[in-house]
Structures are given as structure tokens and as C-alpha cells.
Amino acid sequence: MKNSALLAAAIAVSAAFAAQAADPEAGRAKSQTCAACHGADGNSANPDWPSLAGQHAAYTATQLHAYQSGARVDPIMIGMTAGLSDEDILNLAAYYAEQTMEPKTADPDLVELGERIYRGGNMETGVAACIACHGWTEGVHYEVLSNVPERPAGDTIQVLEAFWYGCPSCYNLEPHIQRWLTTKPEDVEFVRVAASMAPSWRMHARAFYSADALDVVDEVHVALFNAIHLQRNPLNTVDAIAAVFAEHADVDRDAFIAAFGSFDVDTRMRRGDQEVRRYRIGAVPTIIVAGKYRTDPGRAQSFANVMRVVDHLVELERRARPAQLEVR
């Protein structure tokens, strides 16, 4: 409810700025009472108090109104904003928006931790991922799937990637997935689906599901990509694929051939095809999160952004889970 109220307030404040010209000079005069904590020009010298210089005027005004209304609670700020009129708030916000932000430095030892909290939150302390509110936009960076049969929410959040070894975009995305897997949260399950939407893809799909059946995906997955895209080997024969398994996973040819043509791999292929149909996947790579969100490099606007969008969607689902489990 508080987030909805703040959103409504932000929209109202934006409209106010559009309808009324604020007076930054009047805001400068009013800011003298703010300078002790936030700096004379909005650049705070104390990390306990935020810098306001360069902040969007509508955002600053929204937060000041939130302190006045009680939507945000801070004893000092409630007192500081109590006597401000709507005009004072607009003027203050306009003044700070015109100031130049002075770059700050971070402790290099904490940057990696900060990024993890920004992208994935801190489950131990209950801190939500910052990116859930300050990151990615529905309809731009991802879409919410409709008319997809729901699956009961389990203990983990599934992230599913549909791919094809012959796909250049899948190859370019793979290093980002590999890095993401090293810090994947414990409540996230990563699943790969080898798409076989074209007849020429089916041999590569069987290669993946053979690796899965033989429990050597970690050993051969990147090697299969590299064989095609770096070594220019199309892997269009069973023997060519068997050679990759032998070199990188020490799987002899007979064991590979047995797996490649097995009923087990046939079953895995059918399940993969079902997942592709279930989510109406028409291109690869495609990422499905929690069975309800879809993203890809085009939507995310870069390969590097894909897993960042995934982190955002995981956090959205994580925040929704308590309500879903309560319904169950």
C-alpha cells in the first residue's frame, strides 16, 4: 500500500512540476536549514545523510511529501518537513535538481557485496533487491506471460533457458550465464532446455540431453558451443559430437552412442519440446522466470543485461511467494 501511495504521489508531483514553474532561487534560500546534513549545495559529506544534488526534482518532492504524510517515517525529517508548503517543496526540489553532484568513492572491498545486494538482496537480513524497484520495466525489458498453465509454487524459483548450440546469440549469452551461476541464490533452480524447433537442431538437442543423461553437462556444454562457433565444426554427425564428449568428459564412443540413442534421451527430448510449446517459445535464447516472465537479449537490450533482468524477476517472484503460499 505504501509503495502504491508513493507511486500515486510521484505522478501527482510530476504533474505539479509540469503545471507550475518552480523557483530554484527561492529553493536555495529555503535550503539553508537543510545544509547542516545535506551540504550547502546538496552534496553531503556524511554517508548517513544522502546527497540531493542532481536528484530528479519530482523524486525529491515526492519524498518530502511522504515524510509530511507519514508514508515515510524518520523523526528528524518529519520535523524538518512539517512547516513546508507545497510551493516550498517544489522550490527546494528544483534547486537541488540544478546542483552538480560530486562523485563519491566506495570501499573497493565492498563493491562486489554491494552489487550482490543491489541485484539479489540479502535473504539473511530480509533486505529486498534494490533492482526490484529501481531497475527494469515490464513491457520493455521483459513481458509477463498470459494463458500459461500455472504450476504450484515450490521451494525454489525456476529460471529456464531455451537455447540451441548453433545459435550465435546463445553462444554470446553463455559467458554471462556462467558468471551468474557462480553467485546464483540457493532458492533459484536453473534449468536448460535444448530447443529443437527445426529439424537441423535436433542432433544438437540430443547432444545436450545425452550430456544430461551422462551427468557431464558441466564438462561438455561450453565445449560444444566452442566447437561450433570457435572451431567452425558444425557438429552435424554423431561421430563429431562423440569426439567432444571423449575429449572433454572422457566418455568413450560406445557409452556416448548408447546414451545418444536411448529411450531416456528420447524422453528428455519430449519433455523439452513440451516446455517450448508450453511457453510458446519461438526464438532462442529465451529465458523464462518462475513460469510467468519472459526475457531475452533483445528485450534486455544487451547480453550483459539479460541475467540482471533475471535477478529482478527472481526478486519480484520472491516477494510474491509468501502471498502465493498463503493462498495454498
Protein backbone atom coordinates (compact mmCIF):
# COMPACT_ATOMS: atom_id res chain seq x y z
CA MET A 1 0.00 0.00 0.00
CA LYS A 2 2.81 2.42 0.86
CA ASN A 3 4.50 1.77 -2.48
CA SER A 4 1.20 2.42 -4.30
CA ALA A 5 0.72 5.64 -2.34
CA LEU A 6 4.25 6.81 -3.18
CA LEU A 7 3.70 5.99 -6.86
CA ALA A 8 0.48 7.99 -6.90
CA ALA A 9 2.26 10.85 -5.16
CA ALA A 10 5.09 10.77 -7.68
CA ILE A 11 2.61 11.02 -10.55
CA ALA A 12 0.85 13.92 -8.84
CA VAL A 13 4.13 15.73 -8.17
CA SER A 14 5.27 15.25 -11.78
CA ALA A 15 2.00 16.83 -12.90
CA ALA A 16 2.56 19.71 -10.48
CA PHE A 17 6.00 20.41 -11.95
CA ALA A 18 4.51 20.39 -15.42
CA ALA A 19 1.73 22.80 -14.41
CA GLN A 20 3.72 25.14 -12.16
CA ALA A 21 7.13 26.71 -12.67
CA ALA A 22 9.19 26.20 -9.51
CA ASP A 23 11.61 28.87 -8.29
CA PRO A 24 15.10 27.41 -7.69
CA GLU A 25 16.34 30.68 -6.17
CA ALA A 26 13.58 30.56 -3.54
CA GLY A 27 14.54 26.92 -3.00
CA ARG A 28 18.16 27.95 -2.39
CA ALA A 29 17.06 30.31 0.38
CA LYS A 30 14.87 27.66 1.95
CA SER A 31 17.68 25.08 1.74
CA GLN A 32 19.75 26.81 4.43
CA THR A 33 18.03 24.68 7.07
CA CYS A 34 18.92 21.54 5.08
CA ALA A 35 22.61 22.37 4.63
CA ALA A 36 23.76 21.07 8.03
CA CYS A 37 23.04 17.49 6.98
CA HIS A 38 22.88 17.54 3.17
CA GLY A 39 25.58 20.11 2.38
CA ALA A 40 25.28 23.72 1.21
CA ASP A 41 24.83 22.64 -2.42
CA GLY A 42 23.22 19.27 -1.74
CA ASN A 43 26.47 17.28 -1.65
CA SER A 44 26.54 15.59 1.73
CA ALA A 45 29.86 14.98 3.47
CA ASN A 46 28.36 12.32 5.74
CA PRO A 47 27.31 8.92 4.31
CA ASP A 48 24.49 8.77 6.88
CA TRP A 49 22.71 11.59 5.01
CA PRO A 50 22.07 11.37 1.27
CA SER A 51 23.31 13.86 -1.29
CA LEU A 52 20.47 15.68 -3.02
CA ALA A 53 22.47 17.47 -5.73
CA GLY A 54 21.37 16.45 -9.21
CA GLN A 55 18.44 14.37 -7.98
CA HIS A 56 15.28 14.46 -10.13
CA ALA A 57 13.06 17.22 -8.79
CA ALA A 58 9.91 15.10 -8.84
CA TYR A 59 11.63 12.38 -6.81
CA THR A 60 12.87 14.81 -4.14
CA ALA A 61 9.45 16.44 -3.88
CA THR A 62 7.74 13.06 -3.60
CA GLN A 63 9.96 12.03 -0.70
CA LEU A 64 9.38 15.32 1.15
CA HIS A 65 5.64 14.90 0.79
CA ALA A 66 6.00 11.30 2.00
CA TYR A 67 7.67 12.49 5.21
CA GLN A 68 4.87 15.02 5.73
CA SER A 69 2.15 12.41 5.25
CA GLY A 70 3.82 9.68 7.30
CA ALA A 71 4.29 7.35 4.31
CA ARG A 72 7.99 7.58 5.18
CA VAL A 73 8.95 7.68 8.85
CA ASP A 74 12.03 9.46 10.16
CA PRO A 75 11.80 11.61 13.31
CA ILE A 76 14.24 14.24 12.03
CA MET A 77 12.71 14.55 8.56
CA ILE A 78 9.14 14.62 9.85
CA GLY A 79 10.10 17.67 11.92
CA MET A 80 12.03 19.31 9.09
CA THR A 81 9.19 18.98 6.58
CA ALA A 82 6.29 19.81 8.90
CA GLY A 83 6.35 23.54 8.13
CA LEU A 84 6.95 23.31 4.38
CA SER A 85 4.22 24.38 1.98
CA ASP A 86 3.65 22.63 -1.35
CA GLU A 87 5.35 25.61 -3.02
CA ASP A 88 8.36 25.34 -0.68
CA ILE A 89 8.76 21.68 -1.57
CA LEU A 90 8.63 22.31 -5.31
CA ASN A 91 11.18 25.12 -4.98
CA LEU A 92 13.56 23.04 -2.86
CA ALA A 93 13.35 20.15 -5.28
CA ALA A 94 14.02 22.44 -8.25
CA TYR A 95 17.04 23.98 -6.51
CA TYR A 96 18.68 20.65 -5.72
CA ALA A 97 17.97 19.34 -9.23
CA GLU A 98 20.09 22.20 -10.66
CA GLN A 99 23.12 21.44 -8.46
CA THR A 100 26.06 19.37 -9.69
CA MET A 101 26.56 16.05 -8.00
CA GLU A 102 30.07 15.40 -6.72
CA PRO A 103 31.14 11.80 -7.42
CA LYS A 104 31.81 9.72 -4.32
CA THR A 105 34.20 6.82 -3.90
CA ALA A 106 33.29 3.43 -2.49
CA ASP A 107 35.34 0.97 -0.47
CA PRO A 108 36.71 -1.36 -3.18
CA ASP A 109 36.35 -4.31 -0.82
CA LEU A 110 32.59 -3.72 -0.57
CA VAL A 111 31.72 -3.09 -4.22
CA GLU A 112 31.10 -6.76 -5.03
CA LEU A 113 28.93 -7.19 -1.94
CA GLY A 114 27.01 -4.03 -2.81
CA GLU A 115 26.31 -5.31 -6.31
CA ARG A 116 25.04 -8.62 -4.95
CA ILE A 117 22.66 -6.82 -2.59
CA TYR A 118 21.54 -4.47 -5.38
CA ARG A 119 20.78 -7.38 -7.70
CA GLY A 120 19.68 -10.12 -5.30
CA GLY A 121 19.05 -8.55 -1.89
CA ASN A 122 20.14 -10.16 1.37
CA MET A 123 17.97 -13.10 2.31
CA GLU A 124 19.53 -13.42 5.77
CA THR A 125 18.53 -9.91 6.83
CA GLY A 126 15.37 -9.67 4.74
CA VAL A 127 16.65 -6.82 2.56
CA ALA A 128 14.97 -6.86 -0.85
CA ALA A 129 16.98 -6.40 -4.04
CA CYS A 130 17.23 -2.71 -4.90
CA ILE A 131 16.77 -3.57 -8.57
CA ALA A 132 13.22 -4.76 -7.90
CA CYS A 133 12.09 -1.13 -7.72
CA HIS A 134 14.93 0.77 -9.38
CA GLY A 135 15.74 -1.44 -12.33
CA TRP A 136 13.74 -2.97 -15.14
CA THR A 137 10.39 -2.25 -16.78
CA GLU A 138 7.57 -4.61 -17.73
CA GLY A 139 6.76 -4.36 -21.42
CA VAL A 140 10.25 -3.10 -22.22
CA HIS A 141 12.87 -5.38 -20.65
CA TYR A 142 10.56 -8.34 -20.03
CA GLU A 143 7.00 -9.47 -20.56
CA VAL A 144 4.51 -11.17 -18.29
CA LEU A 145 3.20 -14.34 -19.89
CA SER A 146 -0.53 -14.85 -20.25
CA ASN A 147 -2.59 -18.01 -20.69
CA VAL A 148 0.20 -20.23 -19.42
CA PRO A 149 -1.00 -23.08 -17.14
CA GLU A 150 0.21 -22.30 -13.64
CA ARG A 151 2.44 -24.64 -11.72
CA PRO A 152 2.27 -24.77 -7.92
CA ALA A 153 4.89 -22.54 -6.30
CA GLY A 154 7.58 -24.80 -4.87
CA ASP A 155 10.51 -24.11 -2.61
CA THR A 156 12.65 -22.83 -5.49
CA ILE A 157 12.20 -20.27 -8.26
CA GLN A 158 12.88 -21.76 -11.66
CA VAL A 159 14.93 -19.92 -14.27
CA LEU A 160 14.64 -21.74 -17.60
CA GLU A 161 16.83 -21.06 -20.63
CA ALA A 162 15.81 -22.31 -24.08
CA PHE A 163 18.84 -22.47 -26.37
CA TRP A 164 20.43 -24.09 -29.43
CA TYR A 165 24.13 -24.82 -29.73
CA GLY A 166 24.20 -23.44 -33.28
CA CYS A 167 22.71 -20.08 -32.22
CA PRO A 168 25.27 -17.21 -32.16
CA SER A 169 23.22 -15.25 -29.63
CA CYS A 170 23.04 -18.27 -27.33
CA TYR A 171 26.81 -18.56 -27.61
CA ASN A 172 27.27 -14.87 -26.73
CA LEU A 173 24.90 -15.13 -23.77
CA GLU A 174 26.56 -18.23 -22.30
CA PRO A 175 29.52 -16.45 -20.58
CA HIS A 176 27.05 -14.21 -18.75
CA ILE A 177 25.06 -17.23 -17.63
CA GLN A 178 28.23 -18.95 -16.44
CA ARG A 179 29.17 -15.92 -14.32
CA TRP A 180 25.64 -15.66 -12.94
CA LEU A 181 25.68 -19.33 -11.93
CA THR A 182 28.67 -18.71 -9.63
CA THR A 183 26.53 -16.41 -7.45
CA LYS A 184 23.07 -17.91 -8.08
CA PRO A 185 20.92 -17.71 -4.94
CA GLU A 186 20.12 -21.01 -3.22
CA ASP A 187 16.39 -20.58 -3.78
CA VAL A 188 16.83 -20.42 -7.57
CA GLU A 189 16.85 -23.52 -9.80
CA PHE A 190 18.45 -23.11 -13.23
CA VAL A 191 17.14 -25.37 -16.00
CA ARG A 192 18.32 -25.61 -19.60
CA VAL A 193 16.03 -26.69 -22.42
CA ALA A 194 17.65 -27.60 -25.73
CA ALA A 195 15.14 -26.36 -28.29
CA SER A 196 14.57 -28.48 -31.39
CA MET A 197 12.20 -26.23 -33.30
CA ALA A 198 13.89 -27.04 -36.62
CA PRO A 199 14.95 -30.49 -37.88
CA SER A 200 18.59 -29.39 -38.06
CA TRP A 201 18.52 -28.54 -34.33
CA ARG A 202 17.52 -32.00 -33.16
CA MET A 203 21.00 -33.53 -33.28
CA HIS A 204 22.35 -30.75 -31.06
CA ALA A 205 19.39 -31.15 -28.70
CA ARG A 206 20.15 -34.87 -28.43
CA ALA A 207 23.77 -33.97 -27.67
CA PHE A 208 22.66 -31.82 -24.72
CA TYR A 209 20.22 -34.40 -23.35
CA SER A 210 22.86 -37.11 -23.76
CA ALA A 211 25.22 -34.99 -21.66
CA ASP A 212 22.43 -34.54 -19.12
CA ALA A 213 21.79 -38.30 -19.01
CA LEU A 214 25.50 -39.00 -18.60
CA ASP A 215 25.83 -36.23 -15.98
CA VAL A 216 28.57 -34.42 -17.93
CA VAL A 217 26.82 -31.15 -18.85
CA ASP A 218 29.38 -29.11 -16.91
CA GLU A 219 32.22 -30.76 -18.84
CA VAL A 220 30.86 -30.51 -22.40
CA HIS A 221 28.30 -27.69 -22.54
CA VAL A 222 30.71 -24.83 -23.26
CA ALA A 223 32.92 -27.14 -25.31
CA LEU A 224 30.01 -27.89 -27.67
CA PHE A 225 29.40 -24.16 -28.14
CA ASN A 226 33.10 -23.56 -28.76
CA ALA A 227 33.37 -26.38 -31.29
CA ILE A 228 30.70 -24.74 -33.43
CA HIS A 229 31.47 -21.05 -33.01
CA LEU A 230 35.24 -21.01 -32.49
CA GLN A 231 36.45 -24.13 -34.27
CA ARG A 232 33.85 -23.91 -37.08
CA ASN A 233 32.87 -27.53 -36.57
CA PRO A 234 29.11 -27.83 -37.32
CA LEU A 235 28.77 -30.98 -35.16
CA ASN A 236 26.36 -32.40 -37.70
CA THR A 237 27.39 -36.04 -37.24
CA VAL A 238 27.21 -38.36 -34.28
CA ASP A 239 30.95 -39.05 -34.52
CA ALA A 240 31.80 -35.33 -34.37
CA ILE A 241 29.74 -34.92 -31.19
CA ALA A 242 31.16 -38.11 -29.70
CA ALA A 243 34.66 -36.70 -30.17
CA VAL A 244 33.79 -33.67 -28.00
CA PHE A 245 32.45 -35.96 -25.26
CA ALA A 246 35.61 -38.08 -25.42
CA GLU A 247 37.96 -35.10 -25.28
CA HIS A 248 36.25 -33.04 -22.58
CA ALA A 249 34.42 -35.62 -20.44
CA ASP A 250 36.36 -38.83 -21.05
CA VAL A 251 33.19 -40.55 -22.30
CA ASP A 252 34.10 -43.37 -24.67
CA ARG A 253 32.34 -43.63 -28.01
CA ASP A 254 30.28 -46.72 -27.14
CA ALA A 255 28.90 -45.14 -23.95
CA PHE A 256 28.05 -41.97 -25.83
CA ILE A 257 26.33 -43.81 -28.69
CA ALA A 258 24.29 -45.83 -26.21
CA ALA A 259 23.10 -42.68 -24.45
CA PHE A 260 22.53 -40.73 -27.66
CA GLY A 261 20.05 -43.29 -28.98
CA SER A 262 18.47 -44.26 -25.67
CA PHE A 263 14.84 -44.14 -24.57
CA ASP A 264 15.99 -41.90 -21.69
CA VAL A 265 17.21 -39.23 -24.12
CA ASP A 266 14.04 -39.64 -26.21
CA THR A 267 12.03 -38.88 -23.07
CA ARG A 268 14.15 -35.84 -22.21
CA MET A 269 13.68 -34.56 -25.77
CA ARG A 270 9.91 -34.86 -25.49
CA ARG A 271 9.90 -33.02 -22.17
CA GLY A 272 12.00 -30.25 -23.65
CA ASP A 273 9.62 -29.96 -26.61
CA GLN A 274 6.71 -29.72 -24.16
CA GLU A 275 8.38 -26.82 -22.35
CA VAL A 276 8.96 -24.99 -25.64
CA ARG A 277 5.28 -25.39 -26.53
CA ARG A 278 4.12 -24.55 -23.01
CA TYR A 279 5.81 -21.13 -23.06
CA ARG A 280 5.25 -20.61 -26.80
CA ILE A 281 8.98 -20.08 -27.34
CA GLY A 282 9.59 -19.04 -30.93
CA ALA A 283 13.22 -17.97 -30.79
CA VAL A 284 16.38 -18.60 -28.82
CA PRO A 285 17.85 -17.67 -26.46
CA THR A 286 14.75 -17.16 -24.34
CA ILE A 287 14.69 -17.02 -20.54
CA ILE A 288 11.53 -17.90 -18.60
CA VAL A 289 11.44 -17.00 -14.89
CA ALA A 290 9.01 -18.68 -12.49
CA GLY A 291 6.89 -19.79 -15.43
CA LYS A 292 5.45 -16.31 -15.80
CA TYR A 293 8.09 -13.88 -17.09
CA ARG A 294 9.97 -13.89 -20.40
CA THR A 295 13.12 -12.00 -21.39
CA ASP A 296 15.88 -12.28 -23.99
CA PRO A 297 18.85 -10.22 -25.22
CA GLY A 298 16.63 -8.08 -27.43
CA ARG A 299 14.27 -7.13 -24.62
CA ALA A 300 17.08 -6.71 -22.10
CA GLN A 301 18.95 -4.58 -24.68
CA SER A 302 22.26 -6.40 -24.27
CA PHE A 303 23.65 -9.83 -23.43
CA ALA A 304 25.09 -8.47 -20.18
CA ASN A 305 21.68 -7.19 -19.10
CA VAL A 306 19.83 -10.49 -19.51
CA MET A 307 20.85 -12.00 -16.19
CA ARG A 308 20.38 -8.64 -14.48
CA VAL A 309 16.78 -8.66 -15.66
CA VAL A 310 16.57 -12.27 -14.44
CA ASP A 311 17.72 -11.18 -10.97
CA HIS A 312 14.99 -8.53 -10.99
CA LEU A 313 12.33 -11.07 -11.97
CA VAL A 314 13.54 -13.54 -9.35
CA GLU A 315 13.17 -10.83 -6.72
CA LEU A 316 9.65 -10.00 -7.95
CA GLU A 317 8.70 -13.65 -7.62
CA ARG A 318 10.42 -13.98 -4.25
CA ARG A 319 8.41 -11.06 -2.90
CA ALA A 320 5.17 -12.56 -4.26
CA ARG A 321 5.82 -16.04 -2.86
CA PRO A 322 4.54 -15.50 0.72
CA ALA A 323 1.15 -14.45 -0.65
CA GLN A 324 1.03 -17.40 -3.05
CA LEU A 325 1.97 -19.89 -0.36
CA GLU A 326 -0.63 -18.37 1.98
CA VAL A 327 -3.32 -18.96 -0.66
CA ARG A 328 -2.23 -22.57 -0.98
